[in-house]
Amino acid sequence: MLRILFLIFTISLIGSTHVSGEMNIQSSSEDEGLHFAGYLLLFFAFLGWGFFFSLLGVAAYLAIRQFRRPKRPRNPVRCK
């Protein structure tokens, strides 16, 4: 019951701040430079995350490939 009340409170709080935020939006020519900087920042963020996920994907691929066909030594050590 407490979770449901907390969820309702959170949704109403987020909704009320969103509605009040829409009232204060004003478009001006000074903010146009900000959009370019934001898009440039997003571009570099996507490049960074893309590089990270590509490294993660290659590492997962190599790990799965190694576990499917483990390496066998040519001259295994034998205990007497």
PDB file of N, CA and C in Angstrom:
ATOM      1  N   MET A   1       0.823  -1.189   0.000  1.00  0.00           N
ATOM      2  CA  MET A   1       0.000   0.000   0.000  1.00  0.00           C
ATOM      3  C   MET A   1       0.870   1.256   0.000  1.00  0.00           C
ATOM      4  N   LEU A   2       1.966   1.201   0.753  1.00  0.00           N
ATOM      5  CA  LEU A   2       2.854   2.348   0.833  1.00  0.00           C
ATOM      6  C   LEU A   2       3.533   2.606  -0.506  1.00  0.00           C
ATOM      7  N   ARG A   3       3.859   1.536  -1.222  1.00  0.00           N
ATOM      8  CA  ARG A   3       4.484   1.692  -2.535  1.00  0.00           C
ATOM      9  C   ARG A   3       3.540   2.362  -3.520  1.00  0.00           C
ATOM     10  N   ILE A   4       2.274   1.992  -3.474  1.00  0.00           N
ATOM     11  CA  ILE A   4       1.293   2.580  -4.394  1.00  0.00           C
ATOM     12  C   ILE A   4       1.130   4.070  -4.108  1.00  0.00           C
ATOM     13  N   LEU A   5       1.070   4.445  -2.831  1.00  0.00           N
ATOM     14  CA  LEU A   5       0.952   5.858  -2.477  1.00  0.00           C
ATOM     15  C   LEU A   5       2.201   6.633  -2.898  1.00  0.00           C
ATOM     16  N   PHE A   6       3.358   6.034  -2.704  1.00  0.00           N
ATOM     17  CA  PHE A   6       4.603   6.676  -3.113  1.00  0.00           C
ATOM     18  C   PHE A   6       4.649   6.840  -4.631  1.00  0.00           C
ATOM     19  N   LEU A   7       4.177   5.832  -5.371  1.00  0.00           N
ATOM     20  CA  LEU A   7       4.151   5.901  -6.827  1.00  0.00           C
ATOM     21  C   LEU A   7       3.200   6.995  -7.304  1.00  0.00           C
ATOM     22  N   ILE A   8       2.043   7.084  -6.712  1.00  0.00           N
ATOM     23  CA  ILE A   8       1.079   8.126  -7.085  1.00  0.00           C
ATOM     24  C   ILE A   8       1.642   9.512  -6.775  1.00  0.00           C
ATOM     25  N   PHE A   9       2.260   9.660  -5.611  1.00  0.00           N
ATOM     26  CA  PHE A   9       2.872  10.943  -5.238  1.00  0.00           C
ATOM     27  C   PHE A   9       3.967  11.330  -6.218  1.00  0.00           C
ATOM     28  N   THR A  10       4.807  10.390  -6.596  1.00  0.00           N
ATOM     29  CA  THR A  10       5.907  10.665  -7.514  1.00  0.00           C
ATOM     30  C   THR A  10       5.381  11.055  -8.890  1.00  0.00           C
ATOM     31  N   ILE A  11       4.390  10.352  -9.383  1.00  0.00           N
ATOM     32  CA  ILE A  11       3.828  10.667 -10.695  1.00  0.00           C
ATOM     33  C   ILE A  11       3.176  12.050 -10.680  1.00  0.00           C
ATOM     34  N   SER A  12       2.458  12.380  -9.624  1.00  0.00           N
ATOM     35  CA  SER A  12       1.824  13.699  -9.554  1.00  0.00           C
ATOM     36  C   SER A  12       2.869  14.802  -9.440  1.00  0.00           C
ATOM     37  N   LEU A  13       3.948  14.566  -8.718  1.00  0.00           N
ATOM     38  CA  LEU A  13       5.003  15.565  -8.587  1.00  0.00           C
ATOM     39  C   LEU A  13       5.692  15.803  -9.921  1.00  0.00           C
ATOM     40  N   ILE A  14       6.015  14.736 -10.632  1.00  0.00           N
ATOM     41  CA  ILE A  14       6.670  14.870 -11.933  1.00  0.00           C
ATOM     42  C   ILE A  14       5.726  15.539 -12.926  1.00  0.00           C
ATOM     43  N   GLY A  15       4.464  15.169 -12.915  1.00  0.00           N
ATOM     44  CA  GLY A  15       3.493  15.778 -13.819  1.00  0.00           C
ATOM     45  C   GLY A  15       3.305  17.255 -13.559  1.00  0.00           C
ATOM     46  N   SER A  16       3.275  17.648 -12.291  1.00  0.00           N
ATOM     47  CA  SER A  16       3.061  19.060 -11.971  1.00  0.00           C
ATOM     48  C   SER A  16       4.281  19.895 -12.355  1.00  0.00           C
ATOM     49  N   THR A  17       5.488  19.368 -12.181  1.00  0.00           N
ATOM     50  CA  THR A  17       6.675  20.127 -12.576  1.00  0.00           C
ATOM     51  C   THR A  17       6.771  20.221 -14.090  1.00  0.00           C
ATOM     52  N   HIS A  18       6.309  19.195 -14.801  1.00  0.00           N
ATOM     53  CA  HIS A  18       6.328  19.232 -16.261  1.00  0.00           C
ATOM     54  C   HIS A  18       5.356  20.276 -16.785  1.00  0.00           C
ATOM     55  N   VAL A  19       4.186  20.355 -16.195  1.00  0.00           N
ATOM     56  CA  VAL A  19       3.185  21.339 -16.621  1.00  0.00           C
ATOM     57  C   VAL A  19       3.673  22.746 -16.318  1.00  0.00           C
ATOM     58  N   SER A  20       4.251  22.949 -15.144  1.00  0.00           N
ATOM     59  CA  SER A  20       4.732  24.288 -14.811  1.00  0.00           C
ATOM     60  C   SER A  20       5.947  24.655 -15.652  1.00  0.00           C
ATOM     61  N   GLY A  21       6.723  23.685 -16.070  1.00  0.00           N
ATOM     62  CA  GLY A  21       7.877  23.961 -16.924  1.00  0.00           C
ATOM     63  C   GLY A  21       7.468  24.380 -18.317  1.00  0.00           C
ATOM     64  N   GLU A  22       6.346  23.868 -18.802  1.00  0.00           N
ATOM     65  CA  GLU A  22       5.884  24.250 -20.131  1.00  0.00           C
ATOM     66  C   GLU A  22       5.423  25.693 -20.169  1.00  0.00           C
ATOM     67  N   MET A  23       4.979  26.220 -19.054  1.00  0.00           N
ATOM     68  CA  MET A  23       4.509  27.604 -19.015  1.00  0.00           C
ATOM     69  C   MET A  23       5.666  28.592 -19.139  1.00  0.00           C
ATOM     70  N   ASN A  24       6.859  28.210 -18.686  1.00  0.00           N
ATOM     71  CA  ASN A  24       7.984  29.132 -18.647  1.00  0.00           C
ATOM     72  C   ASN A  24       8.857  29.084 -19.893  1.00  0.00           C
ATOM     73  N   ILE A  25       8.501  28.295 -20.889  1.00  0.00           N
ATOM     74  CA  ILE A  25       9.335  28.169 -22.085  1.00  0.00           C
ATOM     75  C   ILE A  25       9.182  29.412 -22.941  1.00  0.00           C
ATOM     76  N   GLN A  26      10.311  30.051 -23.249  1.00  0.00           N
ATOM     77  CA  GLN A  26      10.315  31.213 -24.128  1.00  0.00           C
ATOM     78  C   GLN A  26      11.387  31.001 -25.174  1.00  0.00           C
ATOM     79  N   SER A  27      11.049  31.238 -26.417  1.00  0.00           N
ATOM     80  CA  SER A  27      11.996  31.056 -27.506  1.00  0.00           C
ATOM     81  C   SER A  27      12.672  32.379 -27.806  1.00  0.00           C
ATOM     82  N   SER A  28      14.003  32.359 -27.839  1.00  0.00           N
ATOM     83  CA  SER A  28      14.747  33.566 -28.186  1.00  0.00           C
ATOM     84  C   SER A  28      15.901  33.182 -29.080  1.00  0.00           C
ATOM     85  N   SER A  29      16.452  34.168 -29.758  1.00  0.00           N
ATOM     86  CA  SER A  29      17.549  33.890 -30.681  1.00  0.00           C
ATOM     87  C   SER A  29      18.848  33.587 -29.943  1.00  0.00           C
ATOM     88  N   GLU A  30      18.960  33.960 -28.661  1.00  0.00           N
ATOM     89  CA  GLU A  30      20.172  33.704 -27.888  1.00  0.00           C
ATOM     90  C   GLU A  30      20.336  32.225 -27.555  1.00  0.00           C
ATOM     91  N   ASP A  31      19.237  31.492 -27.506  1.00  0.00           N
ATOM     92  CA  ASP A  31      19.292  30.080 -27.137  1.00  0.00           C
ATOM     93  C   ASP A  31      19.669  29.176 -28.307  1.00  0.00           C
ATOM     94  N   GLU A  32      19.763  29.687 -29.517  1.00  0.00           N
ATOM     95  CA  GLU A  32      20.050  28.844 -30.672  1.00  0.00           C
ATOM     96  C   GLU A  32      21.454  28.255 -30.600  1.00  0.00           C
ATOM     97  N   GLY A  33      22.418  28.976 -30.061  1.00  0.00           N
ATOM     98  CA  GLY A  33      23.770  28.462 -29.915  1.00  0.00           C
ATOM     99  C   GLY A  33      23.830  27.309 -28.931  1.00  0.00           C
ATOM    100  N   LEU A  34      22.938  27.331 -27.972  1.00  0.00           N
ATOM    101  CA  LEU A  34      22.880  26.278 -26.970  1.00  0.00           C
ATOM    102  C   LEU A  34      22.458  24.955 -27.599  1.00  0.00           C
ATOM    103  N   HIS A  35      21.567  25.013 -28.579  1.00  0.00           N
ATOM    104  CA  HIS A  35      21.114  23.790 -29.228  1.00  0.00           C
ATOM    105  C   HIS A  35      22.264  23.126 -29.973  1.00  0.00           C
ATOM    106  N   PHE A  36      23.087  23.923 -30.648  1.00  0.00           N
ATOM    107  CA  PHE A  36      24.229  23.371 -31.374  1.00  0.00           C
ATOM    108  C   PHE A  36      25.216  22.725 -30.414  1.00  0.00           C
ATOM    109  N   ALA A  37      25.468  23.369 -29.282  1.00  0.00           N
ATOM    110  CA  ALA A  37      26.393  22.810 -28.295  1.00  0.00           C
ATOM    111  C   ALA A  37      25.825  21.515 -27.707  1.00  0.00           C
ATOM    112  N   GLY A  38      24.522  21.483 -27.495  1.00  0.00           N
ATOM    113  CA  GLY A  38      23.895  20.270 -26.973  1.00  0.00           C
ATOM    114  C   GLY A  38      23.989  19.117 -27.953  1.00  0.00           C
ATOM    115  N   TYR A  39      23.737  19.408 -29.234  1.00  0.00           N
ATOM    116  CA  TYR A  39      23.840  18.361 -30.249  1.00  0.00           C
ATOM    117  C   TYR A  39      25.275  17.884 -30.412  1.00  0.00           C
ATOM    118  N   LEU A  40      26.223  18.796 -30.301  1.00  0.00           N
ATOM    119  CA  LEU A  40      27.636  18.415 -30.391  1.00  0.00           C
ATOM    120  C   LEU A  40      28.023  17.528 -29.211  1.00  0.00           C
ATOM    121  N   LEU A  41      27.540  17.868 -28.031  1.00  0.00           N
ATOM    122  CA  LEU A  41      27.801  17.047 -26.846  1.00  0.00           C
ATOM    123  C   LEU A  41      27.170  15.667 -26.986  1.00  0.00           C
ATOM    124  N   LEU A  42      25.946  15.613 -27.500  1.00  0.00           N
ATOM    125  CA  LEU A  42      25.286  14.326 -27.730  1.00  0.00           C
ATOM    126  C   LEU A  42      26.037  13.492 -28.759  1.00  0.00           C
ATOM    127  N   PHE A  43      26.562  14.135 -29.793  1.00  0.00           N
ATOM    128  CA  PHE A  43      27.328  13.420 -30.807  1.00  0.00           C
ATOM    129  C   PHE A  43      28.551  12.743 -30.190  1.00  0.00           C
ATOM    130  N   PHE A  44      29.308  13.489 -29.376  1.00  0.00           N
ATOM    131  CA  PHE A  44      30.490  12.898 -28.748  1.00  0.00           C
ATOM    132  C   PHE A  44      30.106  11.835 -27.720  1.00  0.00           C
ATOM    133  N   ALA A  45      28.972  12.016 -27.059  1.00  0.00           N
ATOM    134  CA  ALA A  45      28.513  11.003 -26.107  1.00  0.00           C
ATOM    135  C   ALA A  45      28.155   9.713 -26.838  1.00  0.00           C
ATOM    136  N   PHE A  46      27.471   9.832 -27.985  1.00  0.00           N
ATOM    137  CA  PHE A  46      27.134   8.641 -28.761  1.00  0.00           C
ATOM    138  C   PHE A  46      28.385   7.951 -29.294  1.00  0.00           C
ATOM    139  N   LEU A  47      29.379   8.740 -29.691  1.00  0.00           N
ATOM    140  CA  LEU A  47      30.638   8.134 -30.130  1.00  0.00           C
ATOM    141  C   LEU A  47      31.302   7.362 -28.993  1.00  0.00           C
ATOM    142  N   GLY A  48      31.331   7.954 -27.825  1.00  0.00           N
ATOM    143  CA  GLY A  48      31.951   7.296 -26.673  1.00  0.00           C
ATOM    144  C   GLY A  48      31.213   6.026 -26.271  1.00  0.00           C
ATOM    145  N   TRP A  49      29.892   6.094 -26.195  1.00  0.00           N
ATOM    146  CA  TRP A  49      29.117   4.905 -25.832  1.00  0.00           C
ATOM    147  C   TRP A  49      29.202   3.850 -26.920  1.00  0.00           C
ATOM    148  N   GLY A  50      29.241   4.280 -28.183  1.00  0.00           N
ATOM    149  CA  GLY A  50      29.383   3.314 -29.269  1.00  0.00           C
ATOM    150  C   GLY A  50      30.706   2.577 -29.178  1.00  0.00           C
ATOM    151  N   PHE A  51      31.778   3.311 -28.882  1.00  0.00           N
ATOM    152  CA  PHE A  51      33.091   2.686 -28.722  1.00  0.00           C
ATOM    153  C   PHE A  51      33.079   1.718 -27.545  1.00  0.00           C
ATOM    154  N   PHE A  52      32.476   2.121 -26.431  1.00  0.00           N
ATOM    155  CA  PHE A  52      32.413   1.265 -25.247  1.00  0.00           C
ATOM    156  C   PHE A  52      31.636  -0.016 -25.536  1.00  0.00           C
ATOM    157  N   PHE A  53      30.462   0.111 -26.184  1.00  0.00           N
ATOM    158  CA  PHE A  53      29.655  -1.066 -26.462  1.00  0.00           C
ATOM    159  C   PHE A  53      30.297  -1.961 -27.518  1.00  0.00           C
ATOM    160  N   SER A  54      31.053  -1.361 -28.450  1.00  0.00           N
ATOM    161  CA  SER A  54      31.748  -2.206 -29.422  1.00  0.00           C
ATOM    162  C   SER A  54      32.858  -3.007 -28.728  1.00  0.00           C
ATOM    163  N   LEU A  55      33.581  -2.386 -27.812  1.00  0.00           N
ATOM    164  CA  LEU A  55      34.596  -3.128 -27.049  1.00  0.00           C
ATOM    165  C   LEU A  55      33.956  -4.228 -26.211  1.00  0.00           C
ATOM    166  N   LEU A  56      32.832  -3.922 -25.602  1.00  0.00           N
ATOM    167  CA  LEU A  56      32.129  -4.910 -24.791  1.00  0.00           C
ATOM    168  C   LEU A  56      31.629  -6.066 -25.652  1.00  0.00           C
ATOM    169  N   GLY A  57      31.119  -5.767 -26.846  1.00  0.00           N
ATOM    170  CA  GLY A  57      30.645  -6.808 -27.751  1.00  0.00           C
ATOM    171  C   GLY A  57      31.763  -7.699 -28.245  1.00  0.00           C
ATOM    172  N   VAL A  58      32.906  -7.102 -28.590  1.00  0.00           N
ATOM    173  CA  VAL A  58      34.050  -7.898 -29.059  1.00  0.00           C
ATOM    174  C   VAL A  58      34.555  -8.788 -27.932  1.00  0.00           C
ATOM    175  N   ALA A  59      34.613  -8.258 -26.719  1.00  0.00           N
ATOM    176  CA  ALA A  59      35.073  -9.064 -25.584  1.00  0.00           C
ATOM    177  C   ALA A  59      34.114 -10.228 -25.320  1.00  0.00           C
ATOM    178  N   ALA A  60      32.821  -9.987 -25.411  1.00  0.00           N
ATOM    179  CA  ALA A  60      31.854 -11.068 -25.212  1.00  0.00           C
ATOM    180  C   ALA A  60      31.975 -12.110 -26.315  1.00  0.00           C
ATOM    181  N   TYR A  61      32.153 -11.667 -27.552  1.00  0.00           N
ATOM    182  CA  TYR A  61      32.309 -12.596 -28.665  1.00  0.00           C
ATOM    183  C   TYR A  61      33.543 -13.483 -28.482  1.00  0.00           C
ATOM    184  N   LEU A  62      34.670 -12.863 -28.109  1.00  0.00           N
ATOM    185  CA  LEU A  62      35.898 -13.639 -27.922  1.00  0.00           C
ATOM    186  C   LEU A  62      35.776 -14.597 -26.737  1.00  0.00           C
ATOM    187  N   ALA A  63      35.107 -14.194 -25.681  1.00  0.00           N
ATOM    188  CA  ALA A  63      34.929 -15.073 -24.523  1.00  0.00           C
ATOM    189  C   ALA A  63      34.045 -16.263 -24.873  1.00  0.00           C
ATOM    190  N   ILE A  64      32.963 -16.019 -25.600  1.00  0.00           N
ATOM    191  CA  ILE A  64      32.064 -17.113 -25.992  1.00  0.00           C
ATOM    192  C   ILE A  64      32.775 -18.062 -26.937  1.00  0.00           C
ATOM    193  N   ARG A  65      33.544 -17.513 -27.874  1.00  0.00           N
ATOM    194  CA  ARG A  65      34.281 -18.361 -28.820  1.00  0.00           C
ATOM    195  C   ARG A  65      35.309 -19.232 -28.104  1.00  0.00           C
ATOM    196  N   GLN A  66      35.973 -18.666 -27.096  1.00  0.00           N
ATOM    197  CA  GLN A  66      36.982 -19.431 -26.362  1.00  0.00           C
ATOM    198  C   GLN A  66      36.336 -20.526 -25.520  1.00  0.00           C
ATOM    199  N   PHE A  67      35.188 -20.264 -24.928  1.00  0.00           N
ATOM    200  CA  PHE A  67      34.530 -21.283 -24.110  1.00  0.00           C
ATOM    201  C   PHE A  67      33.937 -22.402 -24.955  1.00  0.00           C
ATOM    202  N   ARG A  68      33.570 -22.108 -26.183  1.00  0.00           N
ATOM    203  CA  ARG A  68      33.024 -23.163 -27.046  1.00  0.00           C
ATOM    204  C   ARG A  68      34.117 -24.113 -27.502  1.00  0.00           C
ATOM    205  N   ARG A  69      35.262 -23.573 -27.875  1.00  0.00           N
ATOM    206  CA  ARG A  69      36.397 -24.398 -28.306  1.00  0.00           C
ATOM    207  C   ARG A  69      37.624 -24.030 -27.476  1.00  0.00           C
ATOM    208  N   PRO A  70      37.782 -24.655 -26.311  1.00  0.00           N
ATOM    209  CA  PRO A  70      38.944 -24.300 -25.482  1.00  0.00           C
ATOM    210  C   PRO A  70      40.250 -24.733 -26.147  1.00  0.00           C
ATOM    211  N   LYS A  71      41.295 -23.987 -25.859  1.00  0.00           N
ATOM    212  CA  LYS A  71      42.609 -24.302 -26.423  1.00  0.00           C
ATOM    213  C   LYS A  71      43.175 -25.552 -25.742  1.00  0.00           C
ATOM    214  N   ARG A  72      43.744 -26.418 -26.546  1.00  0.00           N
ATOM    215  CA  ARG A  72      44.386 -27.610 -26.006  1.00  0.00           C
ATOM    216  C   ARG A  72      45.894 -27.486 -26.223  1.00  0.00           C
ATOM    217  N   PRO A  73      46.676 -27.689 -25.183  1.00  0.00           N
ATOM    218  CA  PRO A  73      48.133 -27.559 -25.328  1.00  0.00           C
ATOM    219  C   PRO A  73      48.701 -28.685 -26.189  1.00  0.00           C
ATOM    220  N   ARG A  74      49.754 -28.377 -26.938  1.00  0.00           N
ATOM    221  CA  ARG A  74      50.373 -29.378 -27.807  1.00  0.00           C
ATOM    222  C   ARG A  74      51.098 -30.448 -26.974  1.00  0.00           C
ATOM    223  N   ASN A  75      51.843 -30.001 -26.003  1.00  0.00           N
ATOM    224  CA  ASN A  75      52.585 -30.932 -25.138  1.00  0.00           C
ATOM    225  C   ASN A  75      52.098 -30.746 -23.705  1.00  0.00           C
ATOM    226  N   PRO A  76      51.050 -31.441 -23.328  1.00  0.00           N
ATOM    227  CA  PRO A  76      50.540 -31.251 -21.953  1.00  0.00           C
ATOM    228  C   PRO A  76      51.537 -31.768 -20.919  1.00  0.00           C
ATOM    229  N   VAL A  77      51.543 -31.135 -19.773  1.00  0.00           N
ATOM    230  CA  VAL A  77      52.419 -31.550 -18.680  1.00  0.00           C
ATOM    231  C   VAL A  77      51.818 -32.806 -18.037  1.00  0.00           C
ATOM    232  N   ARG A  78      52.649 -33.835 -17.898  1.00  0.00           N
ATOM    233  CA  ARG A  78      52.175 -35.092 -17.311  1.00  0.00           C
ATOM    234  C   ARG A  78      52.879 -35.307 -15.982  1.00  0.00           C
ATOM    235  N   CYS A  79      52.129 -35.651 -14.981  1.00  0.00           N
ATOM    236  CA  CYS A  79      52.701 -35.933 -13.673  1.00  0.00           C
ATOM    237  C   CYS A  79      53.046 -37.421 -13.579  1.00  0.00           C
ATOM    238  N   LYS A  80      54.159 -37.729 -12.955  1.00  0.00           N
ATOM    239  CA  LYS A  80      54.569 -39.142 -12.816  1.00  0.00           C
ATOM    240  C   LYS A  80      54.189 -39.670 -11.468  1.00  0.00           C
TER     241      LYS A  80
END
